[in-house]
Amino acid sequence: CAGGRGELDDAAAAMLAQVLEVQG
């Protein structure tokens, strides 16, 4: 999971990564 163009995109990518970890 990666952010596209800025720090806020990185934060959104971290949230997606945590949800994917919950799914295994």
mmCIF file of all heavy atoms, coordinates in Angstrom:
data_MODEL
# 
_entry.id   MODEL 
# 
loop_
_atom_site.group_PDB 
_atom_site.id 
_atom_site.type_symbol 
_atom_site.label_atom_id 
_atom_site.label_alt_id 
_atom_site.label_comp_id 
_atom_site.label_asym_id 
_atom_site.label_entity_id 
_atom_site.label_seq_id 
_atom_site.pdbx_PDB_ins_code 
_atom_site.Cartn_x 
_atom_site.Cartn_y 
_atom_site.Cartn_z 
_atom_site.occupancy 
_atom_site.B_iso_or_equiv 
_atom_site.pdbx_formal_charge 
_atom_site.auth_seq_id 
_atom_site.auth_comp_id 
_atom_site.auth_asym_id 
_atom_site.auth_atom_id 
_atom_site.pdbx_PDB_model_num 
ATOM 1   N N   . CYS A 1 1  ? 0.852   -1.188  0.000  1.00 0.00 ? 1  CYS A N   1 
ATOM 2   C CA  . CYS A 1 1  ? 0.000   0.000   0.000  1.00 0.00 ? 1  CYS A CA  1 
ATOM 3   C C   . CYS A 1 1  ? 0.889   1.240   0.000  1.00 0.00 ? 1  CYS A C   1 
ATOM 4   O O   . CYS A 1 1  ? 1.824   1.340   0.821  1.00 0.00 ? 1  CYS A O   1 
ATOM 5   C CB  . CYS A 1 1  ? -0.917  0.022   1.220  1.00 0.00 ? 1  CYS A CB  1 
ATOM 6   S SG  . CYS A 1 1  ? -2.077  -1.357  1.294  1.00 0.00 ? 1  CYS A SG  1 
ATOM 7   N N   . ALA A 1 2  ? 0.577   2.172   -0.864 1.00 0.00 ? 2  ALA A N   1 
ATOM 8   C CA  . ALA A 1 2  ? 1.420   3.362   -0.999 1.00 0.00 ? 2  ALA A CA  1 
ATOM 9   C C   . ALA A 1 2  ? 0.554   4.588   -1.204 1.00 0.00 ? 2  ALA A C   1 
ATOM 10  O O   . ALA A 1 2  ? -0.562  4.514   -1.731 1.00 0.00 ? 2  ALA A O   1 
ATOM 11  C CB  . ALA A 1 2  ? 2.394   3.203   -2.167 1.00 0.00 ? 2  ALA A CB  1 
ATOM 12  N N   . GLY A 1 3  ? 1.088   5.720   -0.763 1.00 0.00 ? 3  GLY A N   1 
ATOM 13  C CA  . GLY A 1 3  ? 0.446   7.001   -1.028 1.00 0.00 ? 3  GLY A CA  1 
ATOM 14  C C   . GLY A 1 3  ? 0.808   7.509   -2.400 1.00 0.00 ? 3  GLY A C   1 
ATOM 15  O O   . GLY A 1 3  ? 1.877   7.186   -2.939 1.00 0.00 ? 3  GLY A O   1 
ATOM 16  N N   . GLY A 1 4  ? -0.065  8.309   -2.981 1.00 0.00 ? 4  GLY A N   1 
ATOM 17  C CA  . GLY A 1 4  ? 0.147   8.756   -4.347 1.00 0.00 ? 4  GLY A CA  1 
ATOM 18  C C   . GLY A 1 4  ? 1.016   9.986   -4.477 1.00 0.00 ? 4  GLY A C   1 
ATOM 19  O O   . GLY A 1 4  ? 2.066   9.954   -5.124 1.00 0.00 ? 4  GLY A O   1 
ATOM 20  N N   . ARG A 1 5  ? 0.620   11.092  -3.789 1.00 0.00 ? 5  ARG A N   1 
ATOM 21  C CA  . ARG A 1 5  ? 1.309   12.346  -4.079 1.00 0.00 ? 5  ARG A CA  1 
ATOM 22  C C   . ARG A 1 5  ? 1.650   13.167  -2.843 1.00 0.00 ? 5  ARG A C   1 
ATOM 23  O O   . ARG A 1 5  ? 2.170   14.270  -2.986 1.00 0.00 ? 5  ARG A O   1 
ATOM 24  C CB  . ARG A 1 5  ? 0.448   13.194  -5.014 1.00 0.00 ? 5  ARG A CB  1 
ATOM 25  C CG  . ARG A 1 5  ? 0.058   12.504  -6.276 1.00 0.00 ? 5  ARG A CG  1 
ATOM 26  C CD  . ARG A 1 5  ? -0.665  13.426  -7.236 1.00 0.00 ? 5  ARG A CD  1 
ATOM 27  N NE  . ARG A 1 5  ? 0.196   14.446  -7.793 1.00 0.00 ? 5  ARG A NE  1 
ATOM 28  C CZ  . ARG A 1 5  ? -0.161  15.295  -8.762 1.00 0.00 ? 5  ARG A CZ  1 
ATOM 29  N NH1 . ARG A 1 5  ? -1.393  15.218  -9.249 1.00 0.00 ? 5  ARG A NH1 1 
ATOM 30  N NH2 . ARG A 1 5  ? 0.666   16.186  -9.222 1.00 0.00 ? 5  ARG A NH2 1 
ATOM 31  N N   . GLY A 1 6  ? 1.320   12.718  -1.631 1.00 0.00 ? 6  GLY A N   1 
ATOM 32  C CA  . GLY A 1 6  ? 1.603   13.537  -0.462 1.00 0.00 ? 6  GLY A CA  1 
ATOM 33  C C   . GLY A 1 6  ? 1.460   12.761  0.836  1.00 0.00 ? 6  GLY A C   1 
ATOM 34  O O   . GLY A 1 6  ? 1.122   11.573  0.849  1.00 0.00 ? 6  GLY A O   1 
ATOM 35  N N   . GLU A 1 7  ? 1.717   13.479  1.941  1.00 0.00 ? 7  GLU A N   1 
ATOM 36  C CA  . GLU A 1 7  ? 1.660   12.854  3.261  1.00 0.00 ? 7  GLU A CA  1 
ATOM 37  C C   . GLU A 1 7  ? 0.261   12.377  3.613  1.00 0.00 ? 7  GLU A C   1 
ATOM 38  O O   . GLU A 1 7  ? 0.082   11.353  4.291  1.00 0.00 ? 7  GLU A O   1 
ATOM 39  C CB  . GLU A 1 7  ? 2.159   13.825  4.329  1.00 0.00 ? 7  GLU A CB  1 
ATOM 40  C CG  . GLU A 1 7  ? 3.635   14.181  4.236  1.00 0.00 ? 7  GLU A CG  1 
ATOM 41  C CD  . GLU A 1 7  ? 3.878   15.364  3.320  1.00 0.00 ? 7  GLU A CD  1 
ATOM 42  O OE1 . GLU A 1 7  ? 2.911   15.783  2.621  1.00 0.00 ? 7  GLU A OE1 1 
ATOM 43  O OE2 . GLU A 1 7  ? 5.011   15.884  3.294  1.00 0.00 ? 7  GLU A OE2 1 
ATOM 44  N N   . LEU A 1 8  ? -0.755  13.130  3.201  1.00 0.00 ? 8  LEU A N   1 
ATOM 45  C CA  . LEU A 1 8  ? -2.126  12.715  3.486  1.00 0.00 ? 8  LEU A CA  1 
ATOM 46  C C   . LEU A 1 8  ? -2.471  11.423  2.761  1.00 0.00 ? 8  LEU A C   1 
ATOM 47  O O   . LEU A 1 8  ? -3.196  10.562  3.297  1.00 0.00 ? 8  LEU A O   1 
ATOM 48  C CB  . LEU A 1 8  ? -3.108  13.826  3.096  1.00 0.00 ? 8  LEU A CB  1 
ATOM 49  C CG  . LEU A 1 8  ? -2.968  15.150  3.854  1.00 0.00 ? 8  LEU A CG  1 
ATOM 50  C CD1 . LEU A 1 8  ? -3.985  16.158  3.347  1.00 0.00 ? 8  LEU A CD1 1 
ATOM 51  C CD2 . LEU A 1 8  ? -3.154  14.929  5.354  1.00 0.00 ? 8  LEU A CD2 1 
ATOM 52  N N   . ASP A 1 9  ? -1.942  11.247  1.535  1.00 0.00 ? 9  ASP A N   1 
ATOM 53  C CA  . ASP A 1 9  ? -2.141  9.980   0.827  1.00 0.00 ? 9  ASP A CA  1 
ATOM 54  C C   . ASP A 1 9  ? -1.459  8.832   1.562  1.00 0.00 ? 9  ASP A C   1 
ATOM 55  O O   . ASP A 1 9  ? -1.982  7.708   1.597  1.00 0.00 ? 9  ASP A O   1 
ATOM 56  C CB  . ASP A 1 9  ? -1.590  10.096  -0.595 1.00 0.00 ? 9  ASP A CB  1 
ATOM 57  C CG  . ASP A 1 9  ? -2.381  11.078  -1.445 1.00 0.00 ? 9  ASP A CG  1 
ATOM 58  O OD1 . ASP A 1 9  ? -3.573  11.266  -1.154 1.00 0.00 ? 9  ASP A OD1 1 
ATOM 59  O OD2 . ASP A 1 9  ? -1.804  11.653  -2.381 1.00 0.00 ? 9  ASP A OD2 1 
ATOM 60  N N   . ASP A 1 10 ? -0.300  9.110   2.175  1.00 0.00 ? 10 ASP A N   1 
ATOM 61  C CA  . ASP A 1 10 ? 0.375   8.069   2.952  1.00 0.00 ? 10 ASP A CA  1 
ATOM 62  C C   . ASP A 1 10 ? -0.474  7.637   4.149  1.00 0.00 ? 10 ASP A C   1 
ATOM 63  O O   . ASP A 1 10 ? -0.529  6.450   4.489  1.00 0.00 ? 10 ASP A O   1 
ATOM 64  C CB  . ASP A 1 10 ? 1.728   8.587   3.443  1.00 0.00 ? 10 ASP A CB  1 
ATOM 65  C CG  . ASP A 1 10 ? 2.730   8.713   2.308  1.00 0.00 ? 10 ASP A CG  1 
ATOM 66  O OD1 . ASP A 1 10 ? 2.474   8.162   1.227  1.00 0.00 ? 10 ASP A OD1 1 
ATOM 67  O OD2 . ASP A 1 10 ? 3.771   9.376   2.508  1.00 0.00 ? 10 ASP A OD2 1 
ATOM 68  N N   . ALA A 1 11 ? -1.121  8.606   4.807  1.00 0.00 ? 11 ALA A N   1 
ATOM 69  C CA  . ALA A 1 11 ? -1.972  8.270   5.943  1.00 0.00 ? 11 ALA A CA  1 
ATOM 70  C C   . ALA A 1 11 ? -3.149  7.402   5.506  1.00 0.00 ? 11 ALA A C   1 
ATOM 71  O O   . ALA A 1 11 ? -3.514  6.422   6.182  1.00 0.00 ? 11 ALA A O   1 
ATOM 72  C CB  . ALA A 1 11 ? -2.465  9.544   6.622  1.00 0.00 ? 11 ALA A CB  1 
ATOM 73  N N   . ALA A 1 12 ? -3.761  7.736   4.366  1.00 0.00 ? 12 ALA A N   1 
ATOM 74  C CA  . ALA A 1 12 ? -4.860  6.915   3.856  1.00 0.00 ? 12 ALA A CA  1 
ATOM 75  C C   . ALA A 1 12 ? -4.372  5.512   3.502  1.00 0.00 ? 12 ALA A C   1 
ATOM 76  O O   . ALA A 1 12 ? -5.073  4.513   3.738  1.00 0.00 ? 12 ALA A O   1 
ATOM 77  C CB  . ALA A 1 12 ? -5.485  7.590   2.638  1.00 0.00 ? 12 ALA A CB  1 
ATOM 78  N N   . ALA A 1 13 ? -3.155  5.405   2.946  1.00 0.00 ? 13 ALA A N   1 
ATOM 79  C CA  . ALA A 1 13 ? -2.603  4.096   2.620  1.00 0.00 ? 13 ALA A CA  1 
ATOM 80  C C   . ALA A 1 13 ? -2.351  3.273   3.881  1.00 0.00 ? 13 ALA A C   1 
ATOM 81  O O   . ALA A 1 13 ? -2.547  2.048   3.886  1.00 0.00 ? 13 ALA A O   1 
ATOM 82  C CB  . ALA A 1 13 ? -1.308  4.264   1.828  1.00 0.00 ? 13 ALA A CB  1 
ATOM 83  N N   . ALA A 1 14 ? -1.930  3.927   4.971  1.00 0.00 ? 14 ALA A N   1 
ATOM 84  C CA  . ALA A 1 14 ? -1.726  3.205   6.237  1.00 0.00 ? 14 ALA A CA  1 
ATOM 85  C C   . ALA A 1 14 ? -3.044  2.649   6.770  1.00 0.00 ? 14 ALA A C   1 
ATOM 86  O O   . ALA A 1 14 ? -3.079  1.543   7.330  1.00 0.00 ? 14 ALA A O   1 
ATOM 87  C CB  . ALA A 1 14 ? -1.085  4.141   7.259  1.00 0.00 ? 14 ALA A CB  1 
ATOM 88  N N   . MET A 1 15 ? -4.130  3.390   6.604  1.00 0.00 ? 15 MET A N   1 
ATOM 89  C CA  . MET A 1 15 ? -5.434  2.895   7.042  1.00 0.00 ? 15 MET A CA  1 
ATOM 90  C C   . MET A 1 15 ? -5.856  1.676   6.222  1.00 0.00 ? 15 MET A C   1 
ATOM 91  O O   . MET A 1 15 ? -6.348  0.673   6.771  1.00 0.00 ? 15 MET A O   1 
ATOM 92  C CB  . MET A 1 15 ? -6.474  4.008   6.918  1.00 0.00 ? 15 MET A CB  1 
ATOM 93  C CG  . MET A 1 15 ? -6.198  5.204   7.818  1.00 0.00 ? 15 MET A CG  1 
ATOM 94  S SD  . MET A 1 15 ? -7.351  6.573   7.535  1.00 0.00 ? 15 MET A SD  1 
ATOM 95  C CE  . MET A 1 15 ? -6.681  7.813   8.644  1.00 0.00 ? 15 MET A CE  1 
ATOM 96  N N   . LEU A 1 16 ? -5.656  1.754   4.904  1.00 0.00 ? 16 LEU A N   1 
ATOM 97  C CA  . LEU A 1 16 ? -5.987  0.607   4.052  1.00 0.00 ? 16 LEU A CA  1 
ATOM 98  C C   . LEU A 1 16 ? -5.127  -0.596  4.416  1.00 0.00 ? 16 LEU A C   1 
ATOM 99  O O   . LEU A 1 16 ? -5.620  -1.737  4.453  1.00 0.00 ? 16 LEU A O   1 
ATOM 100 C CB  . LEU A 1 16 ? -5.790  0.994   2.587  1.00 0.00 ? 16 LEU A CB  1 
ATOM 101 C CG  . LEU A 1 16 ? -5.950  -0.130  1.553  1.00 0.00 ? 16 LEU A CG  1 
ATOM 102 C CD1 . LEU A 1 16 ? -7.341  -0.723  1.613  1.00 0.00 ? 16 LEU A CD1 1 
ATOM 103 C CD2 . LEU A 1 16 ? -5.641  0.384   0.153  1.00 0.00 ? 16 LEU A CD2 1 
ATOM 104 N N   . ALA A 1 17 ? -3.857  -0.366  4.711  1.00 0.00 ? 17 ALA A N   1 
ATOM 105 C CA  . ALA A 1 17 ? -2.967  -1.471  5.068  1.00 0.00 ? 17 ALA A CA  1 
ATOM 106 C C   . ALA A 1 17 ? -3.437  -2.169  6.335  1.00 0.00 ? 17 ALA A C   1 
ATOM 107 O O   . ALA A 1 17 ? -3.385  -3.402  6.436  1.00 0.00 ? 17 ALA A O   1 
ATOM 108 C CB  . ALA A 1 17 ? -1.540  -0.940  5.237  1.00 0.00 ? 17 ALA A CB  1 
ATOM 109 N N   . GLN A 1 18 ? -3.913  -1.399  7.311  1.00 0.00 ? 18 GLN A N   1 
ATOM 110 C CA  . GLN A 1 18 ? -4.373  -2.013  8.557  1.00 0.00 ? 18 GLN A CA  1 
ATOM 111 C C   . GLN A 1 18 ? -5.619  -2.866  8.334  1.00 0.00 ? 18 GLN A C   1 
ATOM 112 O O   . GLN A 1 18 ? -5.766  -3.939  8.930  1.00 0.00 ? 18 GLN A O   1 
ATOM 113 C CB  . GLN A 1 18 ? -4.645  -0.929  9.594  1.00 0.00 ? 18 GLN A CB  1 
ATOM 114 C CG  . GLN A 1 18 ? -4.799  -1.450  11.005 1.00 0.00 ? 18 GLN A CG  1 
ATOM 115 C CD  . GLN A 1 18 ? -4.853  -0.335  12.013 1.00 0.00 ? 18 GLN A CD  1 
ATOM 116 O OE1 . GLN A 1 18 ? -5.835  0.410   12.067 1.00 0.00 ? 18 GLN A OE1 1 
ATOM 117 N NE2 . GLN A 1 18 ? -3.818  -0.220  12.826 1.00 0.00 ? 18 GLN A NE2 1 
ATOM 118 N N   . VAL A 1 19 ? -6.519  -2.406  7.476  1.00 0.00 ? 19 VAL A N   1 
ATOM 119 C CA  . VAL A 1 19 ? -7.719  -3.198  7.175  1.00 0.00 ? 19 VAL A CA  1 
ATOM 120 C C   . VAL A 1 19 ? -7.333  -4.492  6.458  1.00 0.00 ? 19 VAL A C   1 
ATOM 121 O O   . VAL A 1 19 ? -7.890  -5.567  6.732  1.00 0.00 ? 19 VAL A O   1 
ATOM 122 C CB  . VAL A 1 19 ? -8.702  -2.372  6.327  1.00 0.00 ? 19 VAL A CB  1 
ATOM 123 C CG1 . VAL A 1 19 ? -9.891  -3.225  5.895  1.00 0.00 ? 19 VAL A CG1 1 
ATOM 124 C CG2 . VAL A 1 19 ? -9.191  -1.163  7.113  1.00 0.00 ? 19 VAL A CG2 1 
ATOM 125 N N   . LEU A 1 20 ? -6.366  -4.415  5.538  1.00 0.00 ? 20 LEU A N   1 
ATOM 126 C CA  . LEU A 1 20 ? -5.926  -5.623  4.840  1.00 0.00 ? 20 LEU A CA  1 
ATOM 127 C C   . LEU A 1 20 ? -5.260  -6.602  5.797  1.00 0.00 ? 20 LEU A C   1 
ATOM 128 O O   . LEU A 1 20 ? -5.398  -7.827  5.645  1.00 0.00 ? 20 LEU A O   1 
ATOM 129 C CB  . LEU A 1 20 ? -4.959  -5.233  3.716  1.00 0.00 ? 20 LEU A CB  1 
ATOM 130 C CG  . LEU A 1 20 ? -5.581  -4.455  2.545  1.00 0.00 ? 20 LEU A CG  1 
ATOM 131 C CD1 . LEU A 1 20 ? -4.494  -3.998  1.582  1.00 0.00 ? 20 LEU A CD1 1 
ATOM 132 C CD2 . LEU A 1 20 ? -6.618  -5.294  1.821  1.00 0.00 ? 20 LEU A CD2 1 
ATOM 133 N N   . GLU A 1 21 ? -4.545  -6.090  6.803  1.00 0.00 ? 21 GLU A N   1 
ATOM 134 C CA  . GLU A 1 21 ? -3.943  -6.975  7.802  1.00 0.00 ? 21 GLU A CA  1 
ATOM 135 C C   . GLU A 1 21 ? -5.018  -7.683  8.616  1.00 0.00 ? 21 GLU A C   1 
ATOM 136 O O   . GLU A 1 21 ? -4.857  -8.853  8.998  1.00 0.00 ? 21 GLU A O   1 
ATOM 137 C CB  . GLU A 1 21 ? -3.024  -6.170  8.712  1.00 0.00 ? 21 GLU A CB  1 
ATOM 138 C CG  . GLU A 1 21 ? -1.735  -5.726  8.038  1.00 0.00 ? 21 GLU A CG  1 
ATOM 139 C CD  . GLU A 1 21 ? -0.893  -4.868  8.963  1.00 0.00 ? 21 GLU A CD  1 
ATOM 140 O OE1 . GLU A 1 21 ? -1.425  -4.429  10.015 1.00 0.00 ? 21 GLU A OE1 1 
ATOM 141 O OE2 . GLU A 1 21 ? 0.280   -4.609  8.648  1.00 0.00 ? 21 GLU A OE2 1 
ATOM 142 N N   . VAL A 1 22 ? -6.112  -6.990  8.907  1.00 0.00 ? 22 VAL A N   1 
ATOM 143 C CA  . VAL A 1 22 ? -7.212  -7.627  9.621  1.00 0.00 ? 22 VAL A CA  1 
ATOM 144 C C   . VAL A 1 22 ? -7.771  -8.791  8.810  1.00 0.00 ? 22 VAL A C   1 
ATOM 145 O O   . VAL A 1 22 ? -8.156  -9.832  9.366  1.00 0.00 ? 22 VAL A O   1 
ATOM 146 C CB  . VAL A 1 22 ? -8.315  -6.591  9.932  1.00 0.00 ? 22 VAL A CB  1 
ATOM 147 C CG1 . VAL A 1 22 ? -9.567  -7.262  10.470 1.00 0.00 ? 22 VAL A CG1 1 
ATOM 148 C CG2 . VAL A 1 22 ? -7.811  -5.561  10.928 1.00 0.00 ? 22 VAL A CG2 1 
ATOM 149 N N   . GLN A 1 23 ? -7.771  -8.647  7.488  1.00 0.00 ? 23 GLN A N   1 
ATOM 150 C CA  . GLN A 1 23 ? -8.280  -9.716  6.624  1.00 0.00 ? 23 GLN A CA  1 
ATOM 151 C C   . GLN A 1 23 ? -7.284  -10.856 6.429  1.00 0.00 ? 23 GLN A C   1 
ATOM 152 O O   . GLN A 1 23 ? -7.601  -11.824 5.737  1.00 0.00 ? 23 GLN A O   1 
ATOM 153 C CB  . GLN A 1 23 ? -8.665  -9.139  5.259  1.00 0.00 ? 23 GLN A CB  1 
ATOM 154 C CG  . GLN A 1 23 ? -9.831  -8.145  5.320  1.00 0.00 ? 23 GLN A CG  1 
ATOM 155 C CD  . GLN A 1 23 ? -11.059 -8.743  5.965  1.00 0.00 ? 23 GLN A CD  1 
ATOM 156 O OE1 . GLN A 1 23 ? -11.470 -8.307  7.025  1.00 0.00 ? 23 GLN A OE1 1 
ATOM 157 N NE2 . GLN A 1 23 ? -11.636 -9.757  5.337  1.00 0.00 ? 23 GLN A NE2 1 
ATOM 158 N N   . GLY A 1 24 ? -6.079  -10.717 7.015  1.00 0.00 ? 24 GLY A N   1 
ATOM 159 C CA  . GLY A 1 24 ? -5.126  -11.821 6.961  1.00 0.00 ? 24 GLY A CA  1 
ATOM 160 C C   . GLY A 1 24 ? -4.055  -11.702 5.910  1.00 0.00 ? 24 GLY A C   1 
ATOM 161 O O   . GLY A 1 24 ? -3.248  -12.629 5.744  1.00 0.00 ? 24 GLY A O   1 
# 
